[in-house]
Structure formats: structure tokens, C-alpha cells
């Protein structure tokens, strides 16, 4: 029985540190101002600005979970071949495959705070030296189990390895 694993290749938005570091400092200062300075000593305009900064921080915190990542292609893996459809379609047969390396963070669900799927990174190396670095989504537990079955097949041939990133809540 051939099991197919299909998923989207995505490109997610990353935040620039030149914006996130000052914004984080404003957030800390706002929390300190609202929580540790007695309310009779607070200035009304600074209080309003602090509340706005805290609300914007909450928005950006939850925005990561609810914005759908940009789909740039499709990945299909089975026991016979790997097909990467992006700008061009590349097919790598099992005989041409050198190694698959997965950086696993988890699958998407409400308890992992990502409804579209968590970012997982897949690095595929062929025997002719070509490397493909992909950012893929694992949407739910069913898809994770499909990927696990296929990677178990490649593990038997010493063509698969993986590592966990971001302390996943579920084991791969």
C-alpha cells in the first residue's frame, strides 16, 4: 500500500528585529507603568498610550496564529518518489534520493495555537548534490501520522533524520 503525503510549501511572514525589539521594550515599559505606578500618580495621556501599546501587542501576538501563510508550491511524498511543485516541478525518485532532514515543530491545532499548521522545515538532498530547503505545513494529527509512516520507510534505508524545534507538544 502506497501512502501519499501532500502538503503546501509555504513562505511565512517573519518579523524584523529592528521593529520587534523597540516594540517589545515599549510593551515592557507600558506594563511597568500600568502595573507598578499607583494610578493616582499616572498621567492620563501616558496611561492611554500604554493601553494602546498593550492592545497592539496582543494583536500582533495573536496575528501569527490567524494569518494564513503564503502558499508557494506543493510537496508530495510517497515510497517511490518525492515531487516538489513550485516555480517548476521537480521529481526525485527513491534511487536518486540521498537524505531527508526534518525540523519538526508540531502540527496545527487549537491547542498549539496555529490553525493553519505549524512551520516545519524539510531539507531534501539528492545524490547529484541538489538541495531543496522547504518550509511545509503539517495541518493536523492525521497528516502528521501519514508523514511519520513515510519517514519510517526512509528511516529503514538510512535516508531520514529529524530534530525537534520549539519544544513540540506532540511527539513525532
Protein backbone atom coordinates (compact mmCIF):
# COMPACT_ATOMS: atom_id res chain seq x y z
CA UNK A 1 0.00 0.00 0.00
CA UNK A 2 1.42 3.34 -1.04
CA UNK A 3 0.79 6.19 1.35
CA UNK A 4 0.85 9.69 -0.07
CA UNK A 5 1.67 12.74 1.98
CA UNK A 6 0.64 16.01 0.34
CA UNK A 7 1.15 19.43 1.84
CA UNK A 8 1.70 23.04 0.92
CA UNK A 9 5.11 24.60 0.61
CA UNK A 10 4.76 27.98 2.27
CA UNK A 11 6.58 31.19 2.93
CA UNK A 12 5.53 32.72 6.24
CA UNK A 13 5.92 36.30 7.31
CA UNK A 14 8.85 36.93 9.61
CA UNK A 15 9.12 39.95 11.81
CA UNK A 16 12.11 42.21 11.59
CA UNK A 17 14.06 42.66 14.79
CA UNK A 18 14.52 46.37 14.13
CA UNK A 19 10.76 46.71 14.77
CA UNK A 20 10.15 43.96 17.28
CA UNK A 21 12.88 44.91 19.78
CA UNK A 22 11.73 48.54 20.27
CA UNK A 23 8.10 47.43 20.29
CA UNK A 24 8.95 44.83 22.98
CA UNK A 25 10.66 47.50 25.05
CA UNK A 26 7.60 49.76 24.73
CA UNK A 27 5.44 46.83 25.82
CA UNK A 28 7.56 46.21 28.93
CA UNK A 29 7.58 49.91 29.79
CA UNK A 30 3.79 50.10 29.33
CA UNK A 31 3.20 47.10 31.58
CA UNK A 32 5.53 48.54 34.21
CA UNK A 33 3.79 51.93 34.04
CA UNK A 34 0.29 50.47 34.36
CA UNK A 35 1.03 47.82 36.96
CA UNK A 36 3.65 49.30 39.28
CA UNK A 37 2.97 53.03 39.35
CA UNK A 38 -0.01 53.93 41.55
CA UNK A 39 -2.96 55.14 39.48
CA UNK A 40 -3.17 58.47 41.29
CA UNK A 41 0.38 59.27 40.07
CA UNK A 42 -0.25 58.26 36.44
CA UNK A 43 -0.69 60.84 33.69
CA UNK A 44 -3.82 60.25 31.62
CA UNK A 45 -2.13 60.53 28.21
CA UNK A 46 0.64 58.09 29.20
CA UNK A 47 -1.99 55.73 30.56
CA UNK A 48 -3.89 55.80 27.25
CA UNK A 49 -0.68 55.32 25.24
CA UNK A 50 0.27 52.37 27.47
CA UNK A 51 -3.11 50.74 26.93
CA UNK A 52 -2.81 51.21 23.17
CA UNK A 53 0.67 49.63 23.18
CA UNK A 54 -0.60 46.64 25.18
CA UNK A 55 -3.59 46.16 22.85
CA UNK A 56 -1.36 46.35 19.77
CA UNK A 57 0.98 43.81 21.35
CA UNK A 58 -1.93 41.43 21.92
CA UNK A 59 -2.99 41.87 18.30
CA UNK A 60 0.49 41.02 16.97
CA UNK A 61 0.76 38.10 19.38
CA UNK A 62 -2.43 36.50 18.08
CA UNK A 63 -1.96 37.61 14.47
CA UNK A 64 0.74 34.99 13.96
CA UNK A 65 -1.81 32.24 14.64
CA UNK A 66 -4.57 33.50 12.38
CA UNK A 67 -2.81 34.78 9.26
CA UNK A 68 -2.61 32.13 6.60
CA UNK A 69 0.94 31.64 5.27
CA UNK A 70 1.57 32.33 1.58
CA UNK A 71 1.46 29.09 -0.45
CA UNK A 72 4.30 28.94 -2.97
CA UNK A 73 4.07 25.31 -4.02
CA UNK A 74 3.06 21.73 -3.30
CA UNK A 75 5.00 18.78 -1.89
CA UNK A 76 4.02 15.17 -2.48
CA UNK A 77 5.96 12.30 -0.89
CA UNK A 78 5.39 8.57 -1.21
CA UNK A 79 7.55 5.44 -1.06
CA UNK A 80 8.52 5.75 -4.73
CA UNK A 81 9.23 9.44 -5.28
CA UNK A 82 9.17 12.99 -3.98
CA UNK A 83 7.52 15.66 -6.12
CA UNK A 84 8.16 19.34 -5.46
CA UNK A 85 5.87 21.65 -7.42
CA UNK A 86 6.85 25.28 -7.13
CA UNK A 87 8.03 27.51 -9.97
CA UNK A 88 8.97 24.30 -11.71
CA UNK A 89 8.14 20.68 -10.93
CA UNK A 90 10.98 18.52 -9.64
CA UNK A 91 10.63 14.77 -9.15
CA UNK A 92 13.18 12.84 -7.12
CA UNK A 93 12.92 9.07 -7.16
CA UNK A 94 13.97 6.97 -4.18
CA UNK A 95 17.08 5.85 -6.09
CA UNK A 96 18.16 9.50 -6.63
CA UNK A 97 17.45 10.48 -3.02
CA UNK A 98 20.40 10.95 -0.70
CA UNK A 99 18.81 12.23 2.51
CA UNK A 100 15.72 13.87 4.03
CA UNK A 101 16.12 16.03 7.13
CA UNK A 102 13.06 17.25 9.04
CA UNK A 103 12.98 20.01 11.64
CA UNK A 104 9.72 19.22 13.40
CA UNK A 105 7.85 21.81 15.44
CA UNK A 106 4.34 20.29 15.65
CA UNK A 107 1.12 20.09 13.70
CA UNK A 108 -1.56 22.75 13.66
CA UNK A 109 -4.48 22.73 16.07
CA UNK A 110 -6.18 24.97 18.58
CA UNK A 111 -4.03 23.64 21.39
CA UNK A 112 -0.82 24.50 19.50
CA UNK A 113 -2.15 28.00 18.67
CA UNK A 114 -1.84 27.63 14.93
CA UNK A 115 -4.97 26.74 12.99
CA UNK A 116 -3.28 26.53 9.57
CA UNK A 117 -0.43 24.28 10.64
CA UNK A 118 2.92 24.80 12.23
CA UNK A 119 6.02 25.63 10.26
CA UNK A 120 8.17 22.57 9.78
CA UNK A 121 11.33 22.61 7.73
CA UNK A 122 12.28 19.87 5.31
CA UNK A 123 15.69 19.62 3.65
CA UNK A 124 15.90 17.17 0.78
CA UNK A 125 19.27 16.26 -0.75
CA UNK A 126 19.60 14.27 -3.95
CA UNK A 127 22.60 12.17 -4.91
CA UNK A 128 23.55 14.61 -7.67
CA UNK A 129 24.14 17.28 -4.97
CA UNK A 130 20.99 19.37 -5.34
CA UNK A 131 19.49 20.58 -2.08
CA UNK A 132 15.92 21.68 -1.57
CA UNK A 133 15.05 23.56 1.61
CA UNK A 134 11.31 23.75 2.12
CA UNK A 135 9.02 25.22 4.72
CA UNK A 136 5.99 22.95 4.97
CA UNK A 137 2.80 22.85 6.99
CA UNK A 138 1.58 19.84 8.90
CA UNK A 139 -2.08 20.67 9.37
CA UNK A 140 -3.36 18.01 11.78
CA UNK A 141 -2.56 14.75 13.51
CA UNK A 142 -3.77 12.65 10.57
CA UNK A 143 -1.26 14.34 8.23
CA UNK A 144 1.49 14.00 10.84
CA UNK A 145 0.83 10.26 11.03
CA UNK A 146 0.95 9.97 7.21
CA UNK A 147 4.32 11.75 7.17
CA UNK A 148 5.53 9.53 10.01
CA UNK A 149 4.66 6.36 8.06
CA UNK A 150 6.55 7.59 5.02
CA UNK A 151 9.57 8.77 7.02
CA UNK A 152 9.67 5.39 8.78
CA UNK A 153 10.11 3.85 5.32
CA UNK A 154 13.02 6.20 4.58
CA UNK A 155 14.50 5.61 8.06
CA UNK A 156 14.87 1.92 7.27
CA UNK A 157 17.02 2.91 4.30
CA UNK A 158 19.06 5.39 6.41
CA UNK A 159 17.78 8.27 4.31
CA UNK A 160 15.91 10.18 7.02
CA UNK A 161 16.79 12.10 10.16
CA UNK A 162 14.99 14.71 12.20
CA UNK A 163 15.23 17.11 15.10
CA UNK A 164 12.62 18.90 17.21
CA UNK A 165 12.41 22.68 17.31
CA UNK A 166 10.36 24.95 19.59
CA UNK A 167 9.55 22.13 22.07
CA UNK A 168 6.65 20.46 20.22
CA UNK A 169 3.72 19.37 22.37
CA UNK A 170 3.27 16.15 20.44
CA UNK A 171 5.94 13.59 19.70
CA UNK A 172 6.76 12.82 16.08
